[in-house]
Amino acid sequence: MTPFEAFNEVDIRIGEVVRVELNEKANKPAYKFWINFGELGEKTTSAQYTKLYSPEELVGKQVVCAVNLGSRKIAGFTSEVLMLGVDREPGEVVYLTTERAVTLGSKIF
């Protein structure tokens, strides 16, 4: 498989954060997210975005997520997607988003 083919295997979509709570069981500070992907439905994840954002700041934001990596438990919470971000400083994670609003569930290519 070529690197391009491998990249195309990852299903990356746009979702909208509808709910955020502190994941109190996590070893490192993290939030629990509920994200709406339109026709794909609502999916959950846990991610370490606590240093730069309050839960209220994140609700309503469009985020970029890998949706086909399978689910796993993170501190007792089911994580169904990987919310993509980048470190600004160690421990300061900035979420990836779109430059303009797009249809929920839109596929990244």
N, C-alpha and C. Protein backbone atom coordinates (compact mmCIF):
# COMPACT_ATOMS: atom_id res chain seq x y z
N MET A 1 0.85 -1.18 0.00
CA MET A 1 0.00 0.00 0.00
C MET A 1 0.90 1.24 0.00
N THR A 2 0.57 2.18 -0.85
CA THR A 2 1.35 3.43 -0.92
C THR A 2 0.95 4.33 0.26
N PRO A 3 1.78 5.31 0.59
CA PRO A 3 1.41 6.25 1.65
C PRO A 3 0.09 6.96 1.35
N PHE A 4 -0.15 7.31 0.09
CA PHE A 4 -1.41 7.98 -0.27
C PHE A 4 -2.59 7.05 -0.03
N GLU A 5 -2.46 5.78 -0.41
CA GLU A 5 -3.55 4.82 -0.18
C GLU A 5 -3.79 4.63 1.31
N ALA A 6 -2.72 4.58 2.08
CA ALA A 6 -2.86 4.44 3.54
C ALA A 6 -3.59 5.64 4.13
N PHE A 7 -3.25 6.85 3.67
CA PHE A 7 -3.93 8.05 4.15
C PHE A 7 -5.42 7.98 3.82
N ASN A 8 -5.75 7.53 2.62
CA ASN A 8 -7.15 7.46 2.20
C ASN A 8 -7.96 6.45 3.00
N GLU A 9 -7.31 5.53 3.69
CA GLU A 9 -8.01 4.56 4.54
C GLU A 9 -8.58 5.21 5.80
N VAL A 10 -8.00 6.33 6.22
CA VAL A 10 -8.48 7.02 7.41
C VAL A 10 -9.65 7.92 7.01
N ASP A 11 -10.79 7.70 7.65
CA ASP A 11 -12.00 8.48 7.36
C ASP A 11 -12.03 9.68 8.30
N ILE A 12 -11.71 10.85 7.77
CA ILE A 12 -11.65 12.07 8.56
C ILE A 12 -12.84 12.95 8.20
N ARG A 13 -13.61 13.32 9.23
CA ARG A 13 -14.87 14.04 9.02
C ARG A 13 -14.96 15.28 9.91
N ILE A 14 -15.90 16.15 9.55
CA ILE A 14 -16.19 17.34 10.34
C ILE A 14 -17.40 17.08 11.23
N GLY A 15 -17.25 17.40 12.50
CA GLY A 15 -18.35 17.29 13.44
C GLY A 15 -18.50 18.58 14.22
N GLU A 16 -19.61 18.68 14.94
CA GLU A 16 -19.86 19.85 15.80
C GLU A 16 -19.98 19.38 17.24
N VAL A 17 -19.22 20.02 18.11
CA VAL A 17 -19.26 19.68 19.53
C VAL A 17 -20.61 20.11 20.09
N VAL A 18 -21.35 19.15 20.69
CA VAL A 18 -22.66 19.47 21.25
C VAL A 18 -22.67 19.45 22.77
N ARG A 19 -21.69 18.78 23.37
CA ARG A 19 -21.64 18.69 24.83
C ARG A 19 -20.21 18.39 25.25
N VAL A 20 -19.78 18.99 26.38
CA VAL A 20 -18.44 18.77 26.91
C VAL A 20 -18.53 18.70 28.43
N GLU A 21 -17.86 17.70 29.01
CA GLU A 21 -17.78 17.57 30.46
C GLU A 21 -16.35 17.20 30.83
N LEU A 22 -15.95 17.53 32.04
CA LEU A 22 -14.65 17.12 32.53
C LEU A 22 -14.63 15.60 32.70
N ASN A 23 -13.58 14.96 32.23
CA ASN A 23 -13.41 13.51 32.41
C ASN A 23 -12.62 13.33 33.72
N GLU A 24 -13.35 13.24 34.81
CA GLU A 24 -12.74 13.23 36.13
C GLU A 24 -11.91 11.98 36.41
N LYS A 25 -12.11 10.91 35.66
CA LYS A 25 -11.36 9.67 35.87
C LYS A 25 -10.05 9.62 35.08
N ALA A 26 -9.82 10.58 34.21
CA ALA A 26 -8.62 10.58 33.37
C ALA A 26 -7.37 10.84 34.21
N ASN A 27 -6.26 10.18 33.83
CA ASN A 27 -4.97 10.39 34.51
C ASN A 27 -4.46 11.81 34.31
N LYS A 28 -4.62 12.33 33.10
CA LYS A 28 -4.25 13.71 32.78
C LYS A 28 -5.53 14.48 32.54
N PRO A 29 -5.57 15.79 32.83
CA PRO A 29 -6.80 16.55 32.61
C PRO A 29 -7.33 16.38 31.19
N ALA A 30 -8.61 16.03 31.09
CA ALA A 30 -9.24 15.78 29.79
C ALA A 30 -10.73 16.06 29.88
N TYR A 31 -11.32 16.28 28.71
CA TYR A 31 -12.76 16.44 28.59
C TYR A 31 -13.37 15.23 27.92
N LYS A 32 -14.65 15.00 28.22
CA LYS A 32 -15.48 14.06 27.46
C LYS A 32 -16.26 14.91 26.46
N PHE A 33 -16.27 14.47 25.21
CA PHE A 33 -16.95 15.19 24.13
C PHE A 33 -18.06 14.35 23.53
N TRP A 34 -19.17 14.99 23.19
CA TRP A 34 -20.22 14.42 22.36
C TRP A 34 -20.24 15.28 21.10
N ILE A 35 -20.05 14.64 19.94
CA ILE A 35 -19.86 15.36 18.68
C ILE A 35 -20.88 14.88 17.65
N ASN A 36 -21.58 15.83 17.02
CA ASN A 36 -22.59 15.53 16.00
C ASN A 36 -21.93 15.51 14.63
N PHE A 37 -22.09 14.38 13.92
CA PHE A 37 -21.54 14.23 12.57
C PHE A 37 -22.65 14.15 11.53
N GLY A 38 -23.77 14.82 11.76
CA GLY A 38 -24.86 14.82 10.79
C GLY A 38 -25.40 13.42 10.58
N GLU A 39 -25.40 12.95 9.32
CA GLU A 39 -25.96 11.63 9.00
C GLU A 39 -25.23 10.49 9.68
N LEU A 40 -23.97 10.69 10.09
CA LEU A 40 -23.23 9.65 10.81
C LEU A 40 -23.65 9.56 12.26
N GLY A 41 -24.41 10.53 12.73
CA GLY A 41 -24.90 10.52 14.10
C GLY A 41 -23.93 11.17 15.08
N GLU A 42 -24.24 10.96 16.35
CA GLU A 42 -23.43 11.53 17.42
C GLU A 42 -22.42 10.50 17.91
N LYS A 43 -21.18 10.94 18.10
CA LYS A 43 -20.11 10.05 18.57
C LYS A 43 -19.39 10.73 19.72
N THR A 44 -18.68 9.92 20.51
CA THR A 44 -18.02 10.42 21.71
C THR A 44 -16.51 10.26 21.64
N THR A 45 -15.82 11.07 22.42
CA THR A 45 -14.38 10.94 22.57
C THR A 45 -13.95 11.60 23.87
N SER A 46 -12.74 11.31 24.29
CA SER A 46 -12.11 12.00 25.42
C SER A 46 -10.80 12.56 24.91
N ALA A 47 -10.53 13.83 25.20
CA ALA A 47 -9.33 14.48 24.67
C ALA A 47 -8.83 15.55 25.64
N GLN A 48 -7.54 15.81 25.56
CA GLN A 48 -6.86 16.72 26.49
C GLN A 48 -6.81 18.15 25.95
N TYR A 49 -7.94 18.83 25.99
CA TYR A 49 -8.03 20.22 25.53
C TYR A 49 -8.29 21.18 26.68
N THR A 50 -7.97 20.76 27.90
CA THR A 50 -8.36 21.53 29.09
C THR A 50 -7.53 22.77 29.36
N LYS A 51 -6.29 22.82 28.90
CA LYS A 51 -5.43 23.99 29.22
C LYS A 51 -5.85 25.25 28.48
N LEU A 52 -6.33 25.10 27.26
CA LEU A 52 -6.65 26.28 26.45
C LEU A 52 -8.13 26.61 26.36
N TYR A 53 -9.01 25.64 26.69
CA TYR A 53 -10.44 25.84 26.45
C TYR A 53 -11.27 25.44 27.66
N SER A 54 -12.32 26.20 27.91
CA SER A 54 -13.34 25.80 28.87
C SER A 54 -14.37 24.97 28.10
N PRO A 55 -15.17 24.16 28.78
CA PRO A 55 -16.22 23.41 28.08
C PRO A 55 -17.15 24.33 27.28
N GLU A 56 -17.48 25.48 27.84
CA GLU A 56 -18.40 26.41 27.17
C GLU A 56 -17.82 26.94 25.86
N GLU A 57 -16.51 27.13 25.80
CA GLU A 57 -15.87 27.62 24.57
C GLU A 57 -15.92 26.59 23.45
N LEU A 58 -15.97 25.32 23.80
CA LEU A 58 -15.89 24.25 22.80
C LEU A 58 -17.25 23.89 22.19
N VAL A 59 -18.32 24.06 22.96
CA VAL A 59 -19.65 23.72 22.46
C VAL A 59 -19.97 24.60 21.25
N GLY A 60 -20.44 23.96 20.18
CA GLY A 60 -20.79 24.66 18.95
C GLY A 60 -19.66 24.77 17.94
N LYS A 61 -18.46 24.37 18.32
CA LYS A 61 -17.31 24.45 17.41
C LYS A 61 -17.28 23.27 16.46
N GLN A 62 -16.88 23.52 15.22
CA GLN A 62 -16.66 22.44 14.27
C GLN A 62 -15.25 21.91 14.47
N VAL A 63 -15.14 20.58 14.53
CA VAL A 63 -13.86 19.93 14.79
C VAL A 63 -13.59 18.86 13.74
N VAL A 64 -12.32 18.52 13.59
CA VAL A 64 -11.87 17.52 12.62
C VAL A 64 -11.57 16.23 13.38
N CYS A 65 -12.19 15.12 12.95
CA CYS A 65 -12.04 13.85 13.67
C CYS A 65 -11.85 12.68 12.72
N ALA A 66 -11.03 11.73 13.14
CA ALA A 66 -10.93 10.44 12.46
C ALA A 66 -12.03 9.56 13.05
N VAL A 67 -12.90 9.04 12.19
CA VAL A 67 -14.10 8.35 12.69
C VAL A 67 -14.07 6.83 12.50
N ASN A 68 -13.03 6.29 11.88
CA ASN A 68 -13.03 4.84 11.59
C ASN A 68 -11.84 4.11 12.22
N LEU A 69 -11.37 4.58 13.35
CA LEU A 69 -10.23 3.93 14.01
C LEU A 69 -10.67 2.92 15.07
N GLY A 70 -11.97 2.74 15.22
CA GLY A 70 -12.49 1.84 16.24
C GLY A 70 -12.69 2.58 17.55
N SER A 71 -13.36 1.93 18.48
CA SER A 71 -13.60 2.57 19.77
C SER A 71 -12.74 1.92 20.85
N ARG A 72 -12.50 2.69 21.89
CA ARG A 72 -11.75 2.19 23.04
C ARG A 72 -12.18 2.96 24.27
N LYS A 73 -11.90 2.39 25.42
CA LYS A 73 -12.23 3.03 26.69
C LYS A 73 -11.07 3.92 27.12
N ILE A 74 -11.39 5.15 27.47
CA ILE A 74 -10.40 6.07 28.03
C ILE A 74 -10.95 6.54 29.37
N ALA A 75 -10.31 6.10 30.44
CA ALA A 75 -10.74 6.46 31.80
C ALA A 75 -12.22 6.16 32.01
N GLY A 76 -12.65 4.98 31.55
CA GLY A 76 -14.03 4.55 31.74
C GLY A 76 -15.03 5.13 30.77
N PHE A 77 -14.59 5.91 29.80
CA PHE A 77 -15.48 6.57 28.84
C PHE A 77 -15.18 6.02 27.45
N THR A 78 -16.22 5.70 26.69
CA THR A 78 -16.03 5.16 25.35
C THR A 78 -15.64 6.26 24.37
N SER A 79 -14.48 6.10 23.76
CA SER A 79 -14.00 7.03 22.75
C SER A 79 -14.20 6.37 21.39
N GLU A 80 -15.07 6.96 20.56
CA GLU A 80 -15.41 6.39 19.26
C GLU A 80 -14.67 7.07 18.10
N VAL A 81 -14.15 8.26 18.34
CA VAL A 81 -13.44 9.02 17.31
C VAL A 81 -12.17 9.62 17.90
N LEU A 82 -11.27 10.04 17.04
CA LEU A 82 -10.06 10.75 17.45
C LEU A 82 -10.20 12.20 16.99
N MET A 83 -10.32 13.11 17.95
CA MET A 83 -10.42 14.53 17.65
C MET A 83 -9.01 15.06 17.41
N LEU A 84 -8.77 15.59 16.22
CA LEU A 84 -7.42 15.98 15.83
C LEU A 84 -7.05 17.36 16.35
N GLY A 85 -5.80 17.48 16.75
CA GLY A 85 -5.29 18.74 17.28
C GLY A 85 -3.79 18.81 17.11
N VAL A 86 -3.23 19.91 17.57
CA VAL A 86 -1.79 20.13 17.48
C VAL A 86 -1.32 20.79 18.78
N ASP A 87 -0.12 20.40 19.25
CA ASP A 87 0.46 21.05 20.42
C ASP A 87 0.95 22.44 20.07
N ARG A 88 0.50 23.43 20.82
CA ARG A 88 1.04 24.78 20.69
C ARG A 88 2.27 24.90 21.59
N GLU A 89 2.14 24.43 22.78
CA GLU A 89 3.20 24.29 23.78
C GLU A 89 2.96 22.92 24.40
N PRO A 90 3.93 22.35 25.10
CA PRO A 90 3.67 21.06 25.74
C PRO A 90 2.41 21.11 26.61
N GLY A 91 1.47 20.23 26.31
CA GLY A 91 0.22 20.16 27.07
C GLY A 91 -0.86 21.13 26.63
N GLU A 92 -0.55 22.05 25.74
CA GLU A 92 -1.54 23.00 25.23
C GLU A 92 -1.96 22.57 23.83
N VAL A 93 -3.08 21.86 23.76
CA VAL A 93 -3.53 21.30 22.50
C VAL A 93 -4.58 22.22 21.86
N VAL A 94 -4.35 22.56 20.60
CA VAL A 94 -5.28 23.37 19.81
C VAL A 94 -6.04 22.43 18.89
N TYR A 95 -7.37 22.49 18.91
CA TYR A 95 -8.16 21.61 18.04
C TYR A 95 -8.10 22.10 16.60
N LEU A 96 -8.19 21.15 15.66
CA LEU A 96 -8.25 21.51 14.24
C LEU A 96 -9.70 21.80 13.86
N THR A 97 -9.88 22.77 12.99
CA THR A 97 -11.21 23.17 12.57
C THR A 97 -11.15 23.59 11.10
N THR A 98 -12.30 23.99 10.57
CA THR A 98 -12.36 24.48 9.20
C THR A 98 -12.29 26.01 9.21
N GLU A 99 -11.90 26.57 8.10
CA GLU A 99 -11.81 28.03 7.98
C GLU A 99 -13.20 28.65 7.90
N ARG A 100 -14.17 27.89 7.39
CA ARG A 100 -15.58 28.31 7.33
C ARG A 100 -16.45 27.13 7.72
N ALA A 101 -17.66 27.41 8.13
CA ALA A 101 -18.59 26.34 8.50
C ALA A 101 -18.90 25.47 7.29
N VAL A 102 -18.95 24.17 7.51
CA VAL A 102 -19.27 23.21 6.45
C VAL A 102 -20.35 22.25 6.96
N THR A 103 -20.90 21.45 6.07
CA THR A 103 -21.92 20.48 6.42
C THR A 103 -21.34 19.44 7.38
N LEU A 104 -22.08 19.17 8.45
CA LEU A 104 -21.63 18.17 9.41
C LEU A 104 -21.51 16.81 8.74
N GLY A 105 -20.43 16.12 9.04
CA GLY A 105 -20.15 14.82 8.43
C GLY A 105 -19.34 14.92 7.16
N SER A 106 -19.04 16.14 6.70
CA SER A 106 -18.23 16.29 5.48
C SER A 106 -16.91 15.56 5.63
N LYS A 107 -16.50 14.91 4.54
CA LYS A 107 -15.27 14.12 4.53
C LYS A 107 -14.09 14.99 4.12
N ILE A 108 -12.99 14.85 4.85
CA ILE A 108 -11.74 15.54 4.51
C ILE A 108 -11.05 14.75 3.40
N PHE A 109 -10.52 15.44 2.42
CA PHE A 109 -9.79 14.76 1.34
C PHE A 109 -8.56 15.53 0.98
